Amino acid sequence: MEHGRCWLAAYTRSRHENQVASQLSCKGVESLLPTFAKLNRWSDRIKRSQAPLFPGYVFVHVSDAERVPVLQTMGVVNLVSVGGKAARLQDEEIDRLRACFARPNEVEPHPYLKVGHRVRVKHGPFAGWEGILVQKQNSARLVITVDQIMRAVSINLNGADVESVE
């Protein structure tokens, strides 16, 4: 796979995703910029526009030799890397992103939440409650603990109703 192409994430300057994707297309580099339909509200109107699903990132399908032209593209800051090596994305992840790209009206950004992280409920009858996000039988649950009596209770949640507690 060293001489073949792989998918990488290019980190871009703020609000330069569309320009980067356009420049990469002109250079003949395959790229993917998933977007979603965003509603912008002003005092006198509401406008629907397209916004990057992952602000600050454009995904590129490149070989080792094509990385330099990507890095030389105006607006590209760097390639996302781990331990000094470019972090390759799995083909399944790209397939999922393409599916999102095909349905911009059905997707929206969401904070990265991981099972085991501390979260706060934003909406509903449990708004303001904090606990640990867990997964049970394909549903998200919030675990609330009462430390003094060493007991806990779990509550069914809609994942969109929680935010990460920092």
Protein backbone atom coordinates (compact mmCIF):
# COMPACT_ATOMS: atom_id res chain seq x y z
CA MET A 1 0.00 0.00 0.00
CA GLU A 2 3.06 2.29 0.17
CA HIS A 3 2.90 2.99 -3.59
CA GLY A 4 -0.90 2.74 -3.75
CA ARG A 5 -3.34 5.41 -2.79
CA CYS A 6 -4.87 5.78 0.64
CA TRP A 7 -7.31 8.19 2.23
CA LEU A 8 -5.87 10.85 4.53
CA ALA A 9 -7.33 13.85 6.33
CA ALA A 10 -5.85 17.22 5.41
CA TYR A 11 -6.15 19.87 8.11
CA THR A 12 -7.07 23.24 6.61
CA ARG A 13 -7.07 26.86 7.69
CA SER A 14 -10.32 28.01 9.23
CA ARG A 15 -13.09 28.39 6.63
CA HIS A 16 -10.86 27.30 3.73
CA GLU A 17 -12.36 23.85 3.14
CA ASN A 18 -14.19 24.72 -0.11
CA GLN A 19 -11.18 26.56 -1.55
CA VAL A 20 -8.89 23.64 -0.72
CA ALA A 21 -11.28 21.10 -2.29
CA SER A 22 -11.54 23.25 -5.42
CA GLN A 23 -7.76 23.65 -5.73
CA LEU A 24 -7.21 19.92 -5.20
CA SER A 25 -9.72 19.18 -7.96
CA CYS A 26 -7.78 21.52 -10.31
CA LYS A 27 -4.59 19.61 -9.43
CA GLY A 28 -6.29 16.30 -10.26
CA VAL A 29 -6.23 15.08 -6.65
CA GLU A 30 -9.28 13.10 -5.56
CA SER A 31 -10.82 14.69 -2.49
CA LEU A 32 -13.96 14.46 -0.41
CA LEU A 33 -15.59 17.35 1.45
CA PRO A 34 -18.80 16.10 3.10
CA THR A 35 -21.30 18.89 3.76
CA PHE A 36 -24.61 19.29 5.52
CA ALA A 37 -27.57 21.61 5.08
CA LYS A 38 -27.31 24.39 7.64
CA LEU A 39 -30.02 26.88 8.53
CA ASN A 40 -28.80 30.42 9.12
CA ARG A 41 -31.24 32.66 10.95
CA TRP A 42 -31.23 36.43 10.76
CA SER A 43 -33.79 38.84 12.15
CA ASP A 44 -35.50 39.17 8.76
CA ARG A 45 -34.96 35.79 7.05
CA ILE A 46 -33.81 32.20 7.22
CA LYS A 47 -31.36 30.88 4.64
CA ARG A 48 -30.28 27.30 3.97
CA SER A 49 -26.64 26.84 3.02
CA GLN A 50 -24.09 24.05 2.77
CA ALA A 51 -21.41 23.84 5.47
CA PRO A 52 -18.55 21.37 6.00
CA LEU A 53 -19.60 18.38 8.11
CA PHE A 54 -16.08 18.36 9.60
CA PRO A 55 -14.91 21.99 9.77
CA GLY A 56 -11.18 22.28 9.16
CA TYR A 57 -10.78 19.00 7.25
CA VAL A 58 -10.76 17.80 3.64
CA PHE A 59 -10.22 14.11 2.92
CA VAL A 60 -7.75 13.25 0.13
CA HIS A 61 -7.04 10.02 -1.76
CA VAL A 62 -3.32 10.17 -2.52
CA SER A 63 -0.17 8.14 -3.01
CA ASP A 64 3.06 8.98 -1.19
CA ALA A 65 4.23 11.04 -4.19
CA GLU A 66 1.00 13.06 -4.28
CA ARG A 67 1.26 14.20 -0.67
CA VAL A 68 3.61 17.08 -1.54
CA PRO A 69 1.15 18.78 -3.96
CA VAL A 70 -1.54 18.46 -1.28
CA LEU A 71 0.71 20.12 1.31
CA GLN A 72 1.58 22.86 -1.20
CA THR A 73 -2.09 23.69 -1.70
CA MET A 74 -3.00 27.13 -0.35
CA GLY A 75 -5.08 26.67 2.78
CA VAL A 76 -3.75 23.23 3.74
CA VAL A 77 -1.96 23.36 7.08
CA ASN A 78 -0.85 19.73 7.38
CA LEU A 79 -1.91 16.12 7.03
CA VAL A 80 -3.36 14.58 10.17
CA SER A 81 -0.67 12.30 11.58
CA VAL A 82 -0.01 10.08 14.55
CA GLY A 83 3.57 9.65 15.73
CA GLY A 84 4.90 11.53 12.71
CA LYS A 85 3.18 9.22 10.18
CA ALA A 86 0.09 10.23 8.21
CA ALA A 87 -3.01 8.69 9.78
CA ARG A 88 -4.75 6.56 7.16
CA LEU A 89 -8.52 6.34 7.12
CA GLN A 90 -10.27 3.02 6.60
CA ASP A 91 -12.21 2.52 3.36
CA GLU A 92 -15.34 1.77 5.44
CA GLU A 93 -15.06 5.21 7.08
CA ILE A 94 -14.82 6.88 3.67
CA ASP A 95 -17.83 4.87 2.45
CA ARG A 96 -19.81 6.18 5.43
CA LEU A 97 -18.67 9.75 4.66
CA ARG A 98 -19.74 9.33 1.02
CA ALA A 99 -23.17 8.19 2.23
CA CYS A 100 -23.37 11.35 4.37
CA PHE A 101 -22.25 13.44 1.39
CA ALA A 102 -25.11 11.97 -0.66
CA ARG A 103 -27.69 13.05 1.96
CA PRO A 104 -26.69 16.54 3.17
CA ASN A 105 -30.21 17.27 4.46
CA GLU A 106 -30.20 14.22 6.76
CA VAL A 107 -26.87 14.71 8.58
CA GLU A 108 -25.45 17.28 10.96
CA PRO A 109 -22.29 17.59 13.04
CA HIS A 110 -22.34 16.15 16.54
CA PRO A 111 -19.78 16.37 19.35
CA TYR A 112 -17.48 13.38 19.57
CA LEU A 113 -18.77 11.28 22.44
CA LYS A 114 -17.24 8.06 23.63
CA VAL A 115 -18.75 5.44 25.89
CA GLY A 116 -17.31 5.97 29.35
CA HIS A 117 -17.02 9.77 29.02
CA ARG A 118 -18.75 12.15 31.37
CA VAL A 119 -21.69 13.93 29.71
CA ARG A 120 -24.41 16.47 30.55
CA VAL A 121 -28.03 16.22 29.37
CA LYS A 122 -29.02 19.30 27.31
CA HIS A 123 -32.76 18.72 26.71
CA GLY A 124 -35.72 16.89 28.19
CA PRO A 125 -36.79 16.04 31.70
CA PHE A 126 -33.22 15.27 32.80
CA ALA A 127 -31.69 18.53 31.48
CA GLY A 128 -28.65 19.59 33.48
CA TRP A 129 -27.97 16.13 34.88
CA GLU A 130 -24.43 14.82 34.54
CA GLY A 131 -23.27 11.24 34.39
CA ILE A 132 -21.32 8.69 32.40
CA LEU A 133 -22.37 7.64 28.92
CA VAL A 134 -22.79 3.86 28.54
CA GLN A 135 -24.07 1.56 25.82
CA LYS A 136 -26.67 -1.13 26.57
CA GLN A 137 -28.45 -3.15 23.92
CA ASN A 138 -27.78 -0.61 21.14
CA SER A 139 -29.08 2.37 23.10
CA ALA A 140 -27.28 5.19 24.86
CA ARG A 141 -27.82 5.41 28.59
CA LEU A 142 -26.74 7.90 31.22
CA VAL A 143 -25.49 6.47 34.50
CA ILE A 144 -26.14 8.69 37.51
CA THR A 145 -24.25 7.72 40.66
CA VAL A 146 -25.00 8.46 44.27
CA ASP A 147 -21.52 8.10 45.72
CA GLN A 148 -22.54 8.35 49.36
CA ILE A 149 -24.63 5.17 49.20
CA MET A 150 -22.55 3.56 46.42
CA ARG A 151 -25.53 3.05 44.12
CA ALA A 152 -26.30 4.07 40.54
CA VAL A 153 -29.23 4.34 38.18
CA SER A 154 -29.20 4.38 34.36
CA ILE A 155 -31.53 6.41 32.18
CA ASN A 156 -32.40 5.87 28.50
CA LEU A 157 -31.17 8.80 26.40
CA ASN A 158 -31.22 10.10 22.91
CA GLY A 159 -27.53 10.61 22.04
CA ALA A 160 -28.32 14.00 20.51
CA ASP A 161 -29.52 15.25 23.90
CA VAL A 162 -26.11 15.09 25.58
CA GLU A 163 -22.89 17.09 25.42
CA SER A 164 -19.44 16.29 26.69
CA VAL A 165 -18.47 17.66 30.10
CA GLU A 166 -14.97 19.09 30.01
